[in-house]
């Protein structure tokens, strides 16, 4: 079972997230335990202050170190040895590889920042820093949800019996192949014939080719360090050749 504590000044934000979909299914199956911890419970003034003005001036407020570190120490005492993760734009970039790594961890403490960030000295008390992307969020709560959802999808027994992760984007370092359902023809656009023939090997080959082509066209960076088997290398070379042929034709249009 994965045991997660979330340190936040807005614990109720997570109510709906945990009540539906994969998180709810994981909790019901006994695969996940999540508890939100209100940072304000670890303040010592009557106003329950969690932030203050930055030294050196500037706009916005900075989250104070004392309540956060007090909470970290308290939660560590309750849980044992959780991985303490600070969700911050300055952390390592979260991706599928990181999700697979974290899925093997049993206990987490996720720290959600707000305002202009946390006092720098808090970093001395965390084990890991993670960013969910190169953009700005209002707080770490949204990032925590993204991280948890991605990890939970990998836990055996969380997804439904008719679901699988093998073909999903990023699972094998590739974007997902195109997916189709009924109707067979929609506004003049037809489902590829190969998907209607029932030939599973041909379908598998088509999907592999489409995944490689889509990744090369949209996210070529994913292919740079990805190990390739001989079949994939051959397919990729064919796709590159076809793209080179198509470019002059597109320019003439």
Protein backbone atom coordinates (compact mmCIF):
# COMPACT_ATOMS: atom_id res chain seq x y z
CA UNK A 1 0.00 0.00 0.00
CA UNK A 2 1.14 3.54 -0.76
CA UNK A 3 0.80 5.91 2.19
CA UNK A 4 0.78 9.64 1.34
CA UNK A 5 0.57 12.77 3.49
CA UNK A 6 -0.01 16.12 1.81
CA UNK A 7 1.09 19.28 3.62
CA UNK A 8 -0.99 22.24 2.45
CA UNK A 9 -2.81 25.34 3.64
CA UNK A 10 -5.85 24.25 1.58
CA UNK A 11 -6.55 20.61 2.52
CA UNK A 12 -10.14 20.65 1.22
CA UNK A 13 -8.88 21.12 -2.35
CA UNK A 14 -8.18 17.39 -2.44
CA UNK A 15 -11.67 16.23 -1.43
CA UNK A 16 -13.05 15.82 -4.96
CA UNK A 17 -9.79 14.48 -6.36
CA UNK A 18 -9.75 11.66 -3.82
CA UNK A 19 -13.48 10.90 -4.16
CA UNK A 20 -13.49 9.90 -7.84
CA UNK A 21 -11.62 7.87 -10.43
CA UNK A 22 -8.32 6.11 -9.79
CA UNK A 23 -7.63 7.64 -6.35
CA UNK A 24 -11.04 6.54 -5.04
CA UNK A 25 -10.62 3.09 -6.59
CA UNK A 26 -7.16 2.70 -5.04
CA UNK A 27 -8.41 3.77 -1.61
CA UNK A 28 -11.39 1.40 -1.79
CA UNK A 29 -9.09 -1.48 -2.76
CA UNK A 30 -6.76 -0.81 0.16
CA UNK A 31 -3.92 0.14 -2.19
CA UNK A 32 -3.70 3.77 -1.13
CA UNK A 33 -4.00 5.82 2.02
CA UNK A 34 -3.98 9.62 1.70
CA UNK A 35 -4.23 12.16 4.49
CA UNK A 36 -4.13 15.91 4.04
CA UNK A 37 -2.33 17.86 6.74
CA UNK A 38 -3.23 21.49 7.39
CA UNK A 39 -0.01 23.48 7.69
CA UNK A 40 -1.79 26.00 9.91
CA UNK A 41 -1.97 23.35 12.64
CA UNK A 42 1.79 23.77 13.06
CA UNK A 43 1.82 27.52 13.59
CA UNK A 44 2.23 28.99 17.07
CA UNK A 45 0.64 32.43 16.82
CA UNK A 46 -3.05 33.23 17.27
CA UNK A 47 -3.38 34.27 13.63
CA UNK A 48 -2.00 30.90 12.43
CA UNK A 49 0.48 32.69 10.17
CA UNK A 50 2.19 30.62 7.47
CA UNK A 51 3.78 33.43 5.41
CA UNK A 52 5.65 36.71 5.85
CA UNK A 53 7.25 39.53 3.83
CA UNK A 54 10.49 38.66 2.00
CA UNK A 55 13.82 39.92 3.29
CA UNK A 56 15.33 42.37 0.81
CA UNK A 57 11.94 43.62 -0.33
CA UNK A 58 9.87 42.62 -3.33
CA UNK A 59 6.29 41.75 -4.05
CA UNK A 60 4.33 38.86 -2.61
CA UNK A 61 4.77 36.77 0.49
CA UNK A 62 7.11 33.89 1.37
CA UNK A 63 6.07 30.81 3.33
CA UNK A 64 7.74 30.67 6.73
CA UNK A 65 10.17 27.83 7.53
CA UNK A 66 9.13 27.12 11.13
CA UNK A 67 5.63 25.63 10.53
CA UNK A 68 6.82 23.58 7.56
CA UNK A 69 9.83 22.08 9.32
CA UNK A 70 7.75 21.48 12.45
CA UNK A 71 5.21 19.59 10.31
CA UNK A 72 7.91 17.58 8.51
CA UNK A 73 9.38 16.43 11.82
CA UNK A 74 5.95 15.56 13.22
CA UNK A 75 4.89 13.56 10.16
CA UNK A 76 8.24 11.76 9.96
CA UNK A 77 7.71 10.71 13.55
CA UNK A 78 4.29 9.26 12.68
CA UNK A 79 5.14 7.57 9.37
CA UNK A 80 8.66 6.32 9.86
CA UNK A 81 10.76 7.18 6.83
CA UNK A 82 8.62 8.87 4.15
CA UNK A 83 10.14 10.38 1.01
CA UNK A 84 9.70 14.10 1.61
CA UNK A 85 9.03 15.79 -1.73
CA UNK A 86 8.85 19.52 -2.29
CA UNK A 87 6.73 20.42 -5.33
CA UNK A 88 8.53 23.36 -6.91
CA UNK A 89 9.31 24.77 -10.39
CA UNK A 90 13.00 24.43 -9.48
CA UNK A 91 12.82 20.65 -9.00
CA UNK A 92 13.69 17.85 -11.40
CA UNK A 93 11.19 17.47 -14.20
CA UNK A 94 8.51 14.88 -13.53
CA UNK A 95 8.02 12.38 -16.36
CA UNK A 96 7.01 8.77 -16.89
CA UNK A 97 10.39 7.48 -15.74
CA UNK A 98 10.05 9.44 -12.51
CA UNK A 99 6.51 8.09 -12.03
CA UNK A 100 7.79 4.51 -12.40
CA UNK A 101 10.55 5.25 -9.89
CA UNK A 102 8.21 6.78 -7.32
CA UNK A 103 5.66 4.00 -7.71
CA UNK A 104 8.13 1.78 -5.83
CA UNK A 105 8.15 4.11 -2.80
CA UNK A 106 5.76 3.15 0.01
CA UNK A 107 5.54 6.43 1.93
CA UNK A 108 5.44 10.05 0.77
CA UNK A 109 5.13 13.47 2.26
CA UNK A 110 4.22 16.00 -0.44
CA UNK A 111 4.82 19.65 0.43
CA UNK A 112 2.64 22.15 -1.43
CA UNK A 113 3.97 25.68 -1.59
CA UNK A 114 1.99 28.86 -2.20
CA UNK A 115 2.54 32.59 -2.79
CA UNK A 116 6.08 33.49 -3.94
CA UNK A 117 7.49 30.21 -2.67
CA UNK A 118 9.04 28.81 0.48
CA UNK A 119 11.86 30.08 2.63
CA UNK A 120 15.04 28.68 1.07
CA UNK A 121 16.07 26.98 4.31
CA UNK A 122 13.20 24.49 4.03
CA UNK A 123 15.19 22.72 1.29
CA UNK A 124 17.59 21.37 3.90
CA UNK A 125 14.76 19.23 5.30
CA UNK A 126 13.43 17.58 2.11
CA UNK A 127 14.59 14.50 0.19
CA UNK A 128 13.52 15.44 -3.31
CA UNK A 129 12.27 18.40 -5.36
CA UNK A 130 9.94 17.84 -8.31
CA UNK A 131 8.49 20.09 -11.01
CA UNK A 132 5.53 18.96 -13.12
CA UNK A 133 6.43 21.28 -16.00
CA UNK A 134 7.82 24.56 -17.21
CA UNK A 135 4.84 26.73 -16.33
CA UNK A 136 3.50 28.56 -13.30
CA UNK A 137 0.77 27.22 -11.01
CA UNK A 138 -0.94 28.98 -8.13
CA UNK A 139 0.29 26.34 -5.71
CA UNK A 140 1.70 22.86 -5.29
CA UNK A 141 -1.71 21.26 -4.78
CA UNK A 142 -2.40 20.89 -8.50
CA UNK A 143 1.09 19.48 -9.02
CA UNK A 144 0.53 16.99 -6.18
CA UNK A 145 -2.64 15.74 -7.86
CA UNK A 146 -0.85 15.27 -11.19
CA UNK A 147 1.99 13.39 -9.52
CA UNK A 148 -0.34 11.10 -7.56
CA UNK A 149 -2.58 10.36 -10.53
CA UNK A 150 0.38 9.42 -12.70
CA UNK A 151 1.87 7.13 -10.05
CA UNK A 152 -1.44 5.44 -9.18
CA UNK A 153 -2.04 4.41 -12.79
CA UNK A 154 1.03 2.20 -12.50
CA UNK A 155 -0.02 0.41 -9.32
CA UNK A 156 -1.34 -3.09 -10.12
CA UNK A 157 -5.06 -3.33 -9.39
CA UNK A 158 -5.87 0.37 -9.67
CA UNK A 159 -6.95 0.56 -13.30
CA UNK A 160 -10.06 -1.32 -14.38
CA UNK A 161 -9.81 -4.80 -15.84
CA UNK A 162 -10.43 -3.48 -19.36
CA UNK A 163 -7.69 -0.84 -19.11
CA UNK A 164 -3.99 -1.10 -19.85
CA UNK A 165 -1.00 1.21 -19.82
CA UNK A 166 1.26 -0.44 -22.38
CA UNK A 167 0.10 1.64 -25.33
CA UNK A 168 -0.32 4.96 -23.55
CA UNK A 169 1.80 7.99 -24.32
CA UNK A 170 5.25 7.95 -22.68
CA UNK A 171 4.85 4.40 -21.36
CA UNK A 172 7.52 3.02 -23.70
CA UNK A 173 9.13 6.37 -24.44
CA UNK A 174 6.76 7.06 -27.34
CA UNK A 175 3.58 9.04 -27.89
CA UNK A 176 0.45 6.96 -28.20
CA UNK A 177 -0.73 5.70 -31.58
CA UNK A 178 -4.06 7.09 -32.97
CA UNK A 179 -7.20 5.60 -31.45
CA UNK A 180 -10.61 5.14 -33.12
CA UNK A 181 -14.10 3.99 -32.15
CA UNK A 182 -17.54 3.98 -33.82
CA UNK A 183 -18.80 5.25 -36.16
CA UNK A 184 -16.65 3.81 -38.93
CA UNK A 185 -17.02 7.02 -40.96
CA UNK A 186 -17.34 10.42 -39.29
CA UNK A 187 -17.79 13.53 -41.44
CA UNK A 188 -15.92 11.91 -44.30
CA UNK A 189 -13.05 10.63 -42.15
CA UNK A 190 -12.73 6.83 -42.14
CA UNK A 191 -11.19 4.45 -39.63
CA UNK A 192 -7.98 2.95 -41.12
CA UNK A 193 -8.77 -0.34 -42.85
CA UNK A 194 -6.08 -2.27 -40.98
CA UNK A 195 -7.99 -1.80 -37.71
CA UNK A 196 -11.08 -3.45 -39.19
CA UNK A 197 -9.46 -6.60 -40.56
CA UNK A 198 -8.98 -8.41 -37.25
CA UNK A 199 -5.36 -9.30 -38.04
CA UNK A 200 -3.72 -8.71 -34.66
CA UNK A 201 -0.11 -8.81 -35.87
CA UNK A 202 -0.82 -6.25 -38.59
CA UNK A 203 -2.63 -4.05 -36.09
CA UNK A 204 0.30 -4.27 -33.68
CA UNK A 205 2.76 -3.34 -36.44
CA UNK A 206 0.56 -0.45 -37.60
CA UNK A 207 0.30 0.92 -34.08
CA UNK A 208 4.04 0.70 -33.55
CA UNK A 209 4.67 2.55 -36.80
CA UNK A 210 2.10 5.21 -35.97
CA UNK A 211 3.55 5.73 -32.48
CA UNK A 212 7.05 6.16 -33.91
CA UNK A 213 5.83 8.53 -36.65
CA UNK A 214 3.83 10.66 -34.23
CA UNK A 215 6.71 10.85 -31.77
CA UNK A 216 9.17 11.80 -34.50
CA UNK A 217 6.84 14.54 -35.76
CA UNK A 218 5.71 15.97 -32.43
CA UNK A 219 8.28 15.03 -29.78
CA UNK A 220 11.56 14.04 -31.48
CA UNK A 221 13.37 14.74 -28.19
CA UNK A 222 11.86 11.54 -26.78
CA UNK A 223 13.72 9.46 -29.36
CA UNK A 224 17.20 10.82 -28.68
CA UNK A 225 18.14 8.55 -25.79
CA UNK A 226 15.52 5.83 -26.25
CA UNK A 227 16.92 2.31 -26.90
CA UNK A 228 15.63 0.91 -30.19
CA UNK A 229 15.28 -2.71 -31.29
CA UNK A 230 16.18 -3.55 -34.93
CA UNK A 231 12.52 -3.51 -36.03
CA UNK A 232 11.98 -0.03 -34.59
CA UNK A 233 15.18 1.29 -36.15
CA UNK A 234 14.06 -0.01 -39.56
CA UNK A 235 10.59 1.49 -39.15
CA UNK A 236 12.02 4.82 -38.04
CA UNK A 237 14.33 4.97 -41.03
CA UNK A 238 11.40 4.29 -43.37
CA UNK A 239 9.34 7.01 -41.66
CA UNK A 240 12.17 9.53 -41.95
CA UNK A 241 12.55 8.73 -45.67
CA UNK A 242 8.82 9.21 -46.24
CA UNK A 243 8.89 12.53 -44.39
CA UNK A 244 11.78 13.73 -46.57
CA UNK A 245 9.79 12.85 -49.70
CA UNK A 246 6.67 14.62 -48.41
CA UNK A 247 8.37 17.90 -47.45
CA UNK A 248 9.00 19.16 -51.04
CA UNK A 249 5.44 18.21 -51.99
CA UNK A 250 4.04 20.18 -49.04
CA UNK A 251 6.11 23.22 -49.99
CA UNK A 252 4.72 23.15 -53.55
CA UNK A 253 1.18 23.27 -52.16
